[in-house]
């Protein structure tokens, strides 16, 4: 697979993995680099080698859920805990594609409520433990929906029929 990265605007970067292109802000690139260094460094940062695989699963989930079908997203939002969904949206606050996917599958009232809750709930940030636990619960729910055939991941750039 061909991997390519380039700056497309001041503090905005394009990273391509084969045919998939992701646009990242400078802060997202720094976060990604730090996570990659923790994974590649023997023993990991802070001695948390066990969490590297789990962190990778969480990062994969955040990238993958953006390509989920709308019905699957709606079912996930229906069965998931509101606080877990808030943590998901907060942890991916710079991921406009993920936010668009979720907010496009909400009513206007729900979207307004989520935006207000995001503003007030995380004034002081999202504790890492809370983020990890929420994402783990969402990953489990998403997997159950996948097994039921309700949640399907579409290939990026494919048009819906």
N, C-alpha and C. Protein backbone atom coordinates (compact mmCIF):
# COMPACT_ATOMS: atom_id res chain seq x y z
N UNK A 1 0.85 -1.17 0.00
CA UNK A 1 0.00 0.00 0.00
C UNK A 1 0.89 1.23 0.00
N UNK A 2 0.53 2.19 -0.83
CA UNK A 2 1.27 3.44 -0.91
C UNK A 2 0.73 4.41 0.15
N UNK A 3 1.64 4.97 0.94
CA UNK A 3 1.28 5.93 1.98
C UNK A 3 1.95 7.25 1.62
N UNK A 4 1.16 8.34 1.65
CA UNK A 4 1.67 9.64 1.27
C UNK A 4 1.10 10.70 2.21
N UNK A 5 1.91 11.70 2.57
CA UNK A 5 1.46 12.80 3.41
C UNK A 5 1.97 14.10 2.81
N UNK A 6 1.11 15.13 2.84
CA UNK A 6 1.54 16.43 2.34
C UNK A 6 0.72 17.53 3.01
N UNK A 7 1.29 18.72 3.07
CA UNK A 7 0.59 19.86 3.62
C UNK A 7 -0.24 20.46 2.49
N UNK A 8 -1.56 20.64 2.74
CA UNK A 8 -2.44 21.16 1.70
C UNK A 8 -2.85 22.61 1.97
N UNK A 9 -2.64 23.05 3.19
CA UNK A 9 -2.92 24.43 3.60
C UNK A 9 -2.15 24.64 4.89
N UNK A 10 -2.05 25.88 5.35
CA UNK A 10 -1.35 26.10 6.62
C UNK A 10 -2.00 25.27 7.74
N UNK A 11 -1.22 24.39 8.36
CA UNK A 11 -1.63 23.54 9.48
C UNK A 11 -2.75 22.55 9.10
N UNK A 12 -2.85 22.23 7.81
CA UNK A 12 -3.81 21.23 7.32
C UNK A 12 -3.04 20.25 6.43
N UNK A 13 -3.22 18.95 6.69
CA UNK A 13 -2.42 17.94 6.02
C UNK A 13 -3.32 16.87 5.39
N UNK A 14 -2.86 16.35 4.27
CA UNK A 14 -3.53 15.25 3.59
C UNK A 14 -2.66 14.01 3.79
N UNK A 15 -3.28 12.95 4.32
CA UNK A 15 -2.57 11.68 4.48
C UNK A 15 -3.34 10.65 3.67
N UNK A 16 -2.64 9.99 2.75
CA UNK A 16 -3.28 8.99 1.88
C UNK A 16 -2.74 7.61 2.21
N UNK A 17 -3.68 6.68 2.33
CA UNK A 17 -3.36 5.26 2.51
C UNK A 17 -3.98 4.55 1.32
N UNK A 18 -3.18 4.26 0.32
CA UNK A 18 -3.73 3.68 -0.89
C UNK A 18 -4.70 4.67 -1.53
N UNK A 19 -5.95 4.26 -1.68
CA UNK A 19 -6.98 5.11 -2.30
C UNK A 19 -7.71 5.99 -1.29
N UNK A 20 -7.46 5.78 0.00
CA UNK A 20 -8.16 6.52 1.05
C UNK A 20 -7.35 7.75 1.45
N UNK A 21 -8.00 8.91 1.41
CA UNK A 21 -7.35 10.15 1.81
C UNK A 21 -8.04 10.71 3.04
N UNK A 22 -7.23 11.14 4.00
CA UNK A 22 -7.75 11.73 5.23
C UNK A 22 -7.12 13.11 5.37
N UNK A 23 -7.95 14.10 5.70
CA UNK A 23 -7.47 15.45 5.94
C UNK A 23 -7.38 15.65 7.45
N UNK A 24 -6.22 16.10 7.92
CA UNK A 24 -5.99 16.27 9.34
C UNK A 24 -5.48 17.67 9.65
N UNK A 25 -5.88 18.18 10.80
CA UNK A 25 -5.33 19.43 11.31
C UNK A 25 -3.98 19.13 11.94
N UNK A 26 -3.16 20.13 12.13
CA UNK A 26 -1.84 19.94 12.72
C UNK A 26 -1.89 19.25 14.07
N UNK A 27 -2.86 19.62 14.90
CA UNK A 27 -2.98 19.00 16.23
C UNK A 27 -3.30 17.51 16.12
N UNK A 28 -4.10 17.13 15.11
CA UNK A 28 -4.43 15.73 14.90
C UNK A 28 -3.21 14.94 14.44
N UNK A 29 -2.37 15.57 13.60
CA UNK A 29 -1.15 14.92 13.14
C UNK A 29 -0.23 14.67 14.34
N UNK A 30 -0.12 15.66 15.22
CA UNK A 30 0.73 15.51 16.41
C UNK A 30 0.21 14.38 17.30
N UNK A 31 -1.11 14.32 17.50
CA UNK A 31 -1.70 13.26 18.30
C UNK A 31 -1.43 11.90 17.68
N UNK A 32 -1.61 11.80 16.37
CA UNK A 32 -1.36 10.55 15.66
C UNK A 32 0.11 10.13 15.79
N UNK A 33 1.01 11.08 15.61
CA UNK A 33 2.43 10.77 15.73
C UNK A 33 2.78 10.29 17.14
N UNK A 34 2.21 10.93 18.14
CA UNK A 34 2.48 10.52 19.52
C UNK A 34 1.95 9.10 19.76
N UNK A 35 0.76 8.81 19.27
CA UNK A 35 0.20 7.48 19.44
C UNK A 35 1.04 6.44 18.72
N UNK A 36 1.49 6.75 17.51
CA UNK A 36 2.34 5.82 16.76
C UNK A 36 3.66 5.59 17.48
N UNK A 37 4.23 6.64 18.03
CA UNK A 37 5.49 6.49 18.77
C UNK A 37 5.29 5.62 20.01
N UNK A 38 4.17 5.77 20.68
CA UNK A 38 3.89 4.94 21.85
C UNK A 38 3.75 3.48 21.44
N UNK A 39 3.13 3.24 20.31
CA UNK A 39 2.94 1.87 19.83
C UNK A 39 4.28 1.26 19.43
N UNK A 40 5.11 2.04 18.75
CA UNK A 40 6.36 1.53 18.21
C UNK A 40 7.49 1.48 19.23
N UNK A 41 7.38 2.23 20.32
CA UNK A 41 8.41 2.24 21.34
C UNK A 41 8.26 1.00 22.21
N UNK A 42 9.33 0.21 22.36
CA UNK A 42 9.23 -0.98 23.20
C UNK A 42 8.79 -0.61 24.62
N UNK A 43 7.77 -1.30 25.11
CA UNK A 43 7.25 -1.02 26.44
C UNK A 43 6.23 0.08 26.45
N UNK A 44 6.13 0.87 25.41
CA UNK A 44 5.14 1.94 25.34
C UNK A 44 5.42 3.03 26.35
N UNK A 45 4.76 4.15 26.20
CA UNK A 45 4.92 5.26 27.14
C UNK A 45 4.21 4.93 28.43
N UNK A 46 4.85 5.17 29.54
CA UNK A 46 4.21 4.93 30.83
C UNK A 46 4.06 3.45 31.15
N UNK A 47 4.72 2.57 30.40
CA UNK A 47 4.65 1.15 30.68
C UNK A 47 3.31 0.50 30.40
N UNK A 48 2.49 1.10 29.57
CA UNK A 48 1.15 0.59 29.31
C UNK A 48 1.09 -0.19 28.00
N UNK A 49 1.85 -1.29 27.91
CA UNK A 49 1.86 -2.05 26.67
C UNK A 49 0.51 -2.71 26.42
N UNK A 50 -0.22 -3.05 27.46
CA UNK A 50 -1.51 -3.71 27.30
C UNK A 50 -2.49 -2.80 26.57
N UNK A 51 -2.44 -1.52 26.84
CA UNK A 51 -3.41 -0.62 26.24
C UNK A 51 -3.10 -0.27 24.79
N UNK A 52 -1.90 -0.57 24.32
CA UNK A 52 -1.59 -0.22 22.94
C UNK A 52 -2.54 -0.88 21.96
N UNK A 53 -2.81 -2.16 22.14
CA UNK A 53 -3.74 -2.86 21.27
C UNK A 53 -5.14 -2.29 21.43
N UNK A 54 -5.52 -2.00 22.66
CA UNK A 54 -6.84 -1.43 22.91
C UNK A 54 -6.94 -0.03 22.32
N UNK A 55 -5.88 0.75 22.46
CA UNK A 55 -5.88 2.10 21.88
C UNK A 55 -5.99 2.02 20.36
N UNK A 56 -5.32 1.04 19.77
CA UNK A 56 -5.39 0.86 18.33
C UNK A 56 -6.81 0.51 17.90
N UNK A 57 -7.49 -0.33 18.69
CA UNK A 57 -8.88 -0.70 18.38
C UNK A 57 -9.78 0.53 18.45
N UNK A 58 -9.54 1.37 19.45
CA UNK A 58 -10.35 2.59 19.60
C UNK A 58 -10.12 3.53 18.42
N UNK A 59 -8.87 3.70 18.03
CA UNK A 59 -8.55 4.58 16.90
C UNK A 59 -9.15 4.02 15.61
N UNK A 60 -9.03 2.71 15.42
CA UNK A 60 -9.64 2.07 14.24
C UNK A 60 -11.14 2.28 14.22
N UNK A 61 -11.77 2.16 15.38
CA UNK A 61 -13.22 2.35 15.48
C UNK A 61 -13.60 3.76 15.07
N UNK A 62 -12.87 4.75 15.57
CA UNK A 62 -13.17 6.15 15.22
C UNK A 62 -13.04 6.38 13.72
N UNK A 63 -12.07 5.74 13.11
CA UNK A 63 -11.90 5.89 11.66
C UNK A 63 -12.96 5.12 10.89
N UNK A 64 -13.31 3.94 11.38
CA UNK A 64 -14.23 3.06 10.67
C UNK A 64 -15.69 3.51 10.78
N UNK A 65 -16.08 4.04 11.94
CA UNK A 65 -17.49 4.38 12.17
C UNK A 65 -17.95 5.49 11.24
N UNK A 66 -17.03 6.29 10.74
CA UNK A 66 -17.36 7.36 9.80
C UNK A 66 -17.94 6.78 8.51
N UNK A 67 -17.56 5.54 8.19
CA UNK A 67 -18.03 4.90 6.96
C UNK A 67 -19.18 3.93 7.19
N UNK A 68 -19.81 4.02 8.35
CA UNK A 68 -20.93 3.13 8.65
C UNK A 68 -22.19 3.60 7.93
N UNK A 69 -23.08 2.64 7.66
CA UNK A 69 -24.35 2.99 7.02
C UNK A 69 -25.22 3.80 7.98
N UNK A 70 -26.10 4.61 7.42
CA UNK A 70 -26.94 5.50 8.24
C UNK A 70 -27.86 4.73 9.18
N UNK A 71 -28.45 3.64 8.71
CA UNK A 71 -29.34 2.85 9.56
C UNK A 71 -28.57 2.31 10.76
N UNK A 72 -27.35 1.85 10.52
CA UNK A 72 -26.51 1.34 11.60
C UNK A 72 -26.18 2.43 12.61
N UNK A 73 -25.85 3.61 12.13
CA UNK A 73 -25.56 4.74 13.03
C UNK A 73 -26.79 5.08 13.86
N UNK A 74 -27.95 5.11 13.21
CA UNK A 74 -29.19 5.42 13.93
C UNK A 74 -29.48 4.39 15.01
N UNK A 75 -29.27 3.11 14.71
CA UNK A 75 -29.50 2.07 15.71
C UNK A 75 -28.48 2.17 16.84
N UNK A 76 -27.25 2.48 16.50
CA UNK A 76 -26.22 2.65 17.53
C UNK A 76 -26.61 3.79 18.47
N UNK A 77 -27.07 4.90 17.90
CA UNK A 77 -27.46 6.04 18.73
C UNK A 77 -28.68 5.71 19.59
N UNK A 78 -29.53 4.83 19.09
CA UNK A 78 -30.73 4.45 19.82
C UNK A 78 -30.41 3.61 21.05
N UNK A 79 -29.43 2.71 20.92
CA UNK A 79 -29.15 1.79 22.02
C UNK A 79 -27.98 2.22 22.91
N UNK A 80 -27.15 3.11 22.41
CA UNK A 80 -25.97 3.54 23.18
C UNK A 80 -26.37 4.55 24.24
N UNK A 81 -25.60 4.59 25.29
CA UNK A 81 -25.79 5.57 26.35
C UNK A 81 -25.44 6.96 25.83
N UNK A 82 -26.26 7.92 26.18
CA UNK A 82 -26.06 9.31 25.74
C UNK A 82 -24.66 9.81 26.12
N UNK A 83 -24.22 9.49 27.33
CA UNK A 83 -22.90 9.95 27.79
C UNK A 83 -21.78 9.33 26.97
N UNK A 84 -21.95 8.08 26.55
CA UNK A 84 -20.94 7.44 25.71
C UNK A 84 -20.87 8.11 24.34
N UNK A 85 -22.02 8.45 23.79
CA UNK A 85 -22.04 9.15 22.50
C UNK A 85 -21.41 10.53 22.62
N UNK A 86 -21.66 11.21 23.74
CA UNK A 86 -21.02 12.50 23.96
C UNK A 86 -19.50 12.35 24.01
N UNK A 87 -19.04 11.31 24.71
CA UNK A 87 -17.60 11.07 24.81
C UNK A 87 -17.01 10.78 23.43
N UNK A 88 -17.73 10.01 22.62
CA UNK A 88 -17.29 9.72 21.26
C UNK A 88 -17.14 11.02 20.46
N UNK A 89 -18.17 11.84 20.49
CA UNK A 89 -18.15 13.09 19.72
C UNK A 89 -17.07 14.04 20.24
N UNK A 90 -16.88 14.06 21.55
CA UNK A 90 -15.85 14.93 22.12
C UNK A 90 -14.46 14.43 21.76
N UNK A 91 -14.25 13.12 21.84
CA UNK A 91 -12.92 12.57 21.55
C UNK A 91 -12.56 12.73 20.09
N UNK A 92 -13.56 12.91 19.24
CA UNK A 92 -13.32 13.10 17.80
C UNK A 92 -13.80 14.48 17.37
N UNK A 93 -13.65 15.47 18.23
CA UNK A 93 -14.21 16.78 17.94
C UNK A 93 -13.60 17.45 16.71
N UNK A 94 -12.40 17.07 16.32
CA UNK A 94 -11.79 17.64 15.12
C UNK A 94 -12.08 16.84 13.87
N UNK A 95 -12.78 15.73 14.03
CA UNK A 95 -13.11 14.85 12.90
C UNK A 95 -14.47 15.28 12.33
N UNK A 96 -14.43 16.17 11.37
CA UNK A 96 -15.68 16.71 10.83
C UNK A 96 -16.51 15.64 10.12
N UNK A 97 -15.85 14.67 9.50
CA UNK A 97 -16.59 13.60 8.82
C UNK A 97 -17.40 12.77 9.82
N UNK A 98 -16.80 12.47 10.96
CA UNK A 98 -17.51 11.70 11.99
C UNK A 98 -18.67 12.51 12.54
N UNK A 99 -18.43 13.77 12.84
CA UNK A 99 -19.49 14.63 13.36
C UNK A 99 -20.62 14.77 12.35
N UNK A 100 -20.28 14.95 11.09
CA UNK A 100 -21.29 15.06 10.05
C UNK A 100 -22.12 13.79 9.98
N UNK A 101 -21.45 12.64 10.04
CA UNK A 101 -22.15 11.35 9.98
C UNK A 101 -23.17 11.24 11.11
N UNK A 102 -22.78 11.58 12.32
CA UNK A 102 -23.69 11.44 13.47
C UNK A 102 -24.78 12.51 13.46
N UNK A 103 -24.40 13.77 13.23
CA UNK A 103 -25.40 14.83 13.29
C UNK A 103 -26.40 14.75 12.13
N UNK A 104 -25.99 14.21 10.99
CA UNK A 104 -26.92 14.02 9.88
C UNK A 104 -27.95 12.93 10.17
N UNK A 105 -27.67 12.10 11.16
CA UNK A 105 -28.58 11.02 11.53
C UNK A 105 -29.36 11.33 12.80
N UNK A 106 -29.41 12.61 13.14
CA UNK A 106 -30.17 13.06 14.32
C UNK A 106 -31.24 14.04 13.88
N UNK A 107 -32.26 14.13 14.70
CA UNK A 107 -33.24 15.19 14.47
C UNK A 107 -32.59 16.52 14.85
N UNK A 108 -33.19 17.62 14.42
CA UNK A 108 -32.66 18.93 14.77
C UNK A 108 -32.64 19.14 16.27
N UNK A 109 -33.69 18.67 16.96
CA UNK A 109 -33.72 18.81 18.42
C UNK A 109 -32.62 18.01 19.10
N UNK A 110 -32.40 16.79 18.62
CA UNK A 110 -31.33 15.97 19.18
C UNK A 110 -29.97 16.60 18.93
N UNK A 111 -29.76 17.10 17.73
CA UNK A 111 -28.49 17.74 17.39
C UNK A 111 -28.24 18.95 18.30
N UNK A 112 -29.28 19.72 18.54
CA UNK A 112 -29.15 20.88 19.41
C UNK A 112 -28.80 20.44 20.83
N UNK A 113 -29.47 19.38 21.31
CA UNK A 113 -29.21 18.88 22.65
C UNK A 113 -27.77 18.36 22.76
N UNK A 114 -27.31 17.61 21.75
CA UNK A 114 -25.94 17.09 21.78
C UNK A 114 -24.93 18.23 21.77
N UNK A 115 -25.16 19.24 20.94
CA UNK A 115 -24.23 20.38 20.89
C UNK A 115 -24.16 21.10 22.24
N UNK A 116 -25.32 21.31 22.86
CA UNK A 116 -25.34 21.96 24.17
C UNK A 116 -24.65 21.10 25.22
N UNK A 117 -24.93 19.80 25.20
CA UNK A 117 -24.30 18.90 26.17
C UNK A 117 -22.79 18.84 25.97
N UNK A 118 -22.34 18.84 24.73
CA UNK A 118 -20.90 18.83 24.46
C UNK A 118 -20.24 20.09 25.01
N UNK A 119 -20.92 21.21 24.87
CA UNK A 119 -20.37 22.48 25.34
C UNK A 119 -20.23 22.49 26.86
N UNK A 120 -21.26 22.03 27.55
CA UNK A 120 -21.28 22.14 29.01
C UNK A 120 -20.67 20.94 29.72
N UNK A 121 -20.82 19.77 29.18
CA UNK A 121 -20.34 18.55 29.83
C UNK A 121 -18.82 18.51 29.92
N UNK A 122 -18.16 19.01 28.89
CA UNK A 122 -16.71 18.86 28.81
C UNK A 122 -15.98 20.20 28.83
N UNK A 123 -16.47 21.11 29.63
CA UNK A 123 -15.82 22.43 29.73
C UNK A 123 -14.36 22.28 30.12
N UNK A 124 -14.07 21.29 30.96
CA UNK A 124 -12.70 21.10 31.45
C UNK A 124 -12.01 19.93 30.75
N UNK A 125 -12.57 19.50 29.63
CA UNK A 125 -11.97 18.41 28.86
C UNK A 125 -12.61 17.07 29.19
N UNK A 126 -12.19 16.07 28.47
CA UNK A 126 -12.70 14.71 28.62
C UNK A 126 -11.62 13.86 29.26
N UNK A 127 -11.88 13.36 30.48
CA UNK A 127 -10.87 12.50 31.13
C UNK A 127 -10.59 11.27 30.27
N UNK A 128 -9.31 10.92 30.16
CA UNK A 128 -8.90 9.82 29.30
C UNK A 128 -9.57 8.50 29.69
N UNK A 129 -9.70 8.26 30.98
CA UNK A 129 -10.33 7.01 31.42
C UNK A 129 -11.79 6.96 30.95
N UNK A 130 -12.48 8.06 31.06
CA UNK A 130 -13.88 8.12 30.64
C UNK A 130 -13.99 7.91 29.12
N UNK A 131 -13.08 8.50 28.38
CA UNK A 131 -13.05 8.34 26.92
C UNK A 131 -12.83 6.88 26.55
N UNK A 132 -11.84 6.26 27.17
CA UNK A 132 -11.53 4.86 26.88
C UNK A 132 -12.71 3.95 27.18
N UNK A 133 -13.31 4.13 28.36
CA UNK A 133 -14.43 3.27 28.76
C UNK A 133 -15.63 3.45 27.84
N UNK A 134 -15.93 4.69 27.48
CA UNK A 134 -17.07 4.96 26.58
C UNK A 134 -16.83 4.34 25.21
N UNK A 135 -15.63 4.52 24.67
CA UNK A 135 -15.33 3.96 23.35
C UNK A 135 -15.38 2.43 23.37
N UNK A 136 -14.91 1.84 24.46
CA UNK A 136 -14.95 0.37 24.57
C UNK A 136 -16.40 -0.13 24.56
N UNK A 137 -17.28 0.57 25.27
CA UNK A 137 -18.69 0.17 25.27
C UNK A 137 -19.30 0.34 23.88
N UNK A 138 -18.97 1.43 23.21
CA UNK A 138 -19.49 1.67 21.86
C UNK A 138 -18.96 0.65 20.86
N UNK A 139 -17.71 0.28 21.00
CA UNK A 139 -17.13 -0.74 20.12
C UNK A 139 -17.89 -2.05 20.29
N UNK A 140 -18.20 -2.40 21.53
CA UNK A 140 -18.94 -3.64 21.80
C UNK A 140 -20.34 -3.57 21.17
N UNK A 141 -21.04 -2.45 21.35
CA UNK A 141 -22.37 -2.29 20.77
C UNK A 141 -22.31 -2.34 19.24
N UNK A 142 -21.31 -1.66 18.67
CA UNK A 142 -21.17 -1.65 17.21
C UNK A 142 -20.91 -3.06 16.70
N UNK A 143 -20.11 -3.81 17.42
CA UNK A 143 -19.84 -5.20 17.00
C UNK A 143 -21.13 -6.03 17.03
N UNK A 144 -21.94 -5.85 18.06
CA UNK A 144 -23.22 -6.57 18.14
C UNK A 144 -24.12 -6.19 16.95
N UNK A 145 -24.16 -4.92 16.62
CA UNK A 145 -24.96 -4.47 15.48
C UNK A 145 -24.41 -5.02 14.17
N UNK A 146 -23.09 -5.14 14.07
CA UNK A 146 -22.47 -5.74 12.88
C UNK A 146 -22.91 -7.20 12.76
N UNK A 147 -22.87 -7.92 13.86
CA UNK A 147 -23.23 -9.34 13.86
C UNK A 147 -24.70 -9.52 13.46
N UNK A 148 -25.55 -8.57 13.85
CA UNK A 148 -26.97 -8.62 13.49
C UNK A 148 -27.21 -8.18 12.05
N UNK A 149 -26.19 -7.61 11.42
CA UNK A 149 -26.33 -7.13 10.05
C UNK A 149 -26.90 -5.73 9.94
N UNK A 150 -27.07 -5.06 11.08
CA UNK A 150 -27.63 -3.71 11.08
C UNK A 150 -26.58 -2.64 10.77
N UNK A 151 -25.36 -2.87 11.22
CA UNK A 151 -24.29 -1.90 11.02
C UNK A 151 -23.34 -2.46 9.96
N UNK A 152 -23.23 -1.72 8.86
CA UNK A 152 -22.40 -2.14 7.74
C UNK A 152 -21.45 -0.99 7.43
N UNK A 153 -20.20 -1.33 7.20
CA UNK A 153 -19.21 -0.31 6.86
C UNK A 153 -19.06 -0.25 5.36
N UNK A 154 -19.29 0.95 4.81
CA UNK A 154 -19.19 1.16 3.37
C UNK A 154 -17.78 1.59 3.03
N UNK A 155 -17.35 1.30 1.83
CA UNK A 155 -16.02 1.73 1.40
C UNK A 155 -16.06 3.24 1.20
N UNK A 156 -15.00 3.94 1.65
CA UNK A 156 -14.95 5.38 1.45
C UNK A 156 -15.04 5.73 -0.03
N UNK A 157 -15.83 6.73 -0.33
CA UNK A 157 -15.95 7.22 -1.69
C UNK A 157 -16.94 6.48 -2.56
N UNK A 158 -17.59 5.45 -2.01
CA UNK A 158 -18.60 4.75 -2.82
C UNK A 158 -19.92 5.44 -2.68
N UNK A 159 -20.63 5.49 -3.76
CA UNK A 159 -21.94 6.14 -3.76
C UNK A 159 -23.02 5.15 -3.34
N UNK A 160 -24.01 5.64 -2.61
CA UNK A 160 -25.13 4.80 -2.20
C UNK A 160 -26.07 4.60 -3.37
N UNK A 161 -26.60 3.41 -3.47
CA UNK A 161 -27.54 3.10 -4.54
C UNK A 161 -28.94 3.49 -4.14
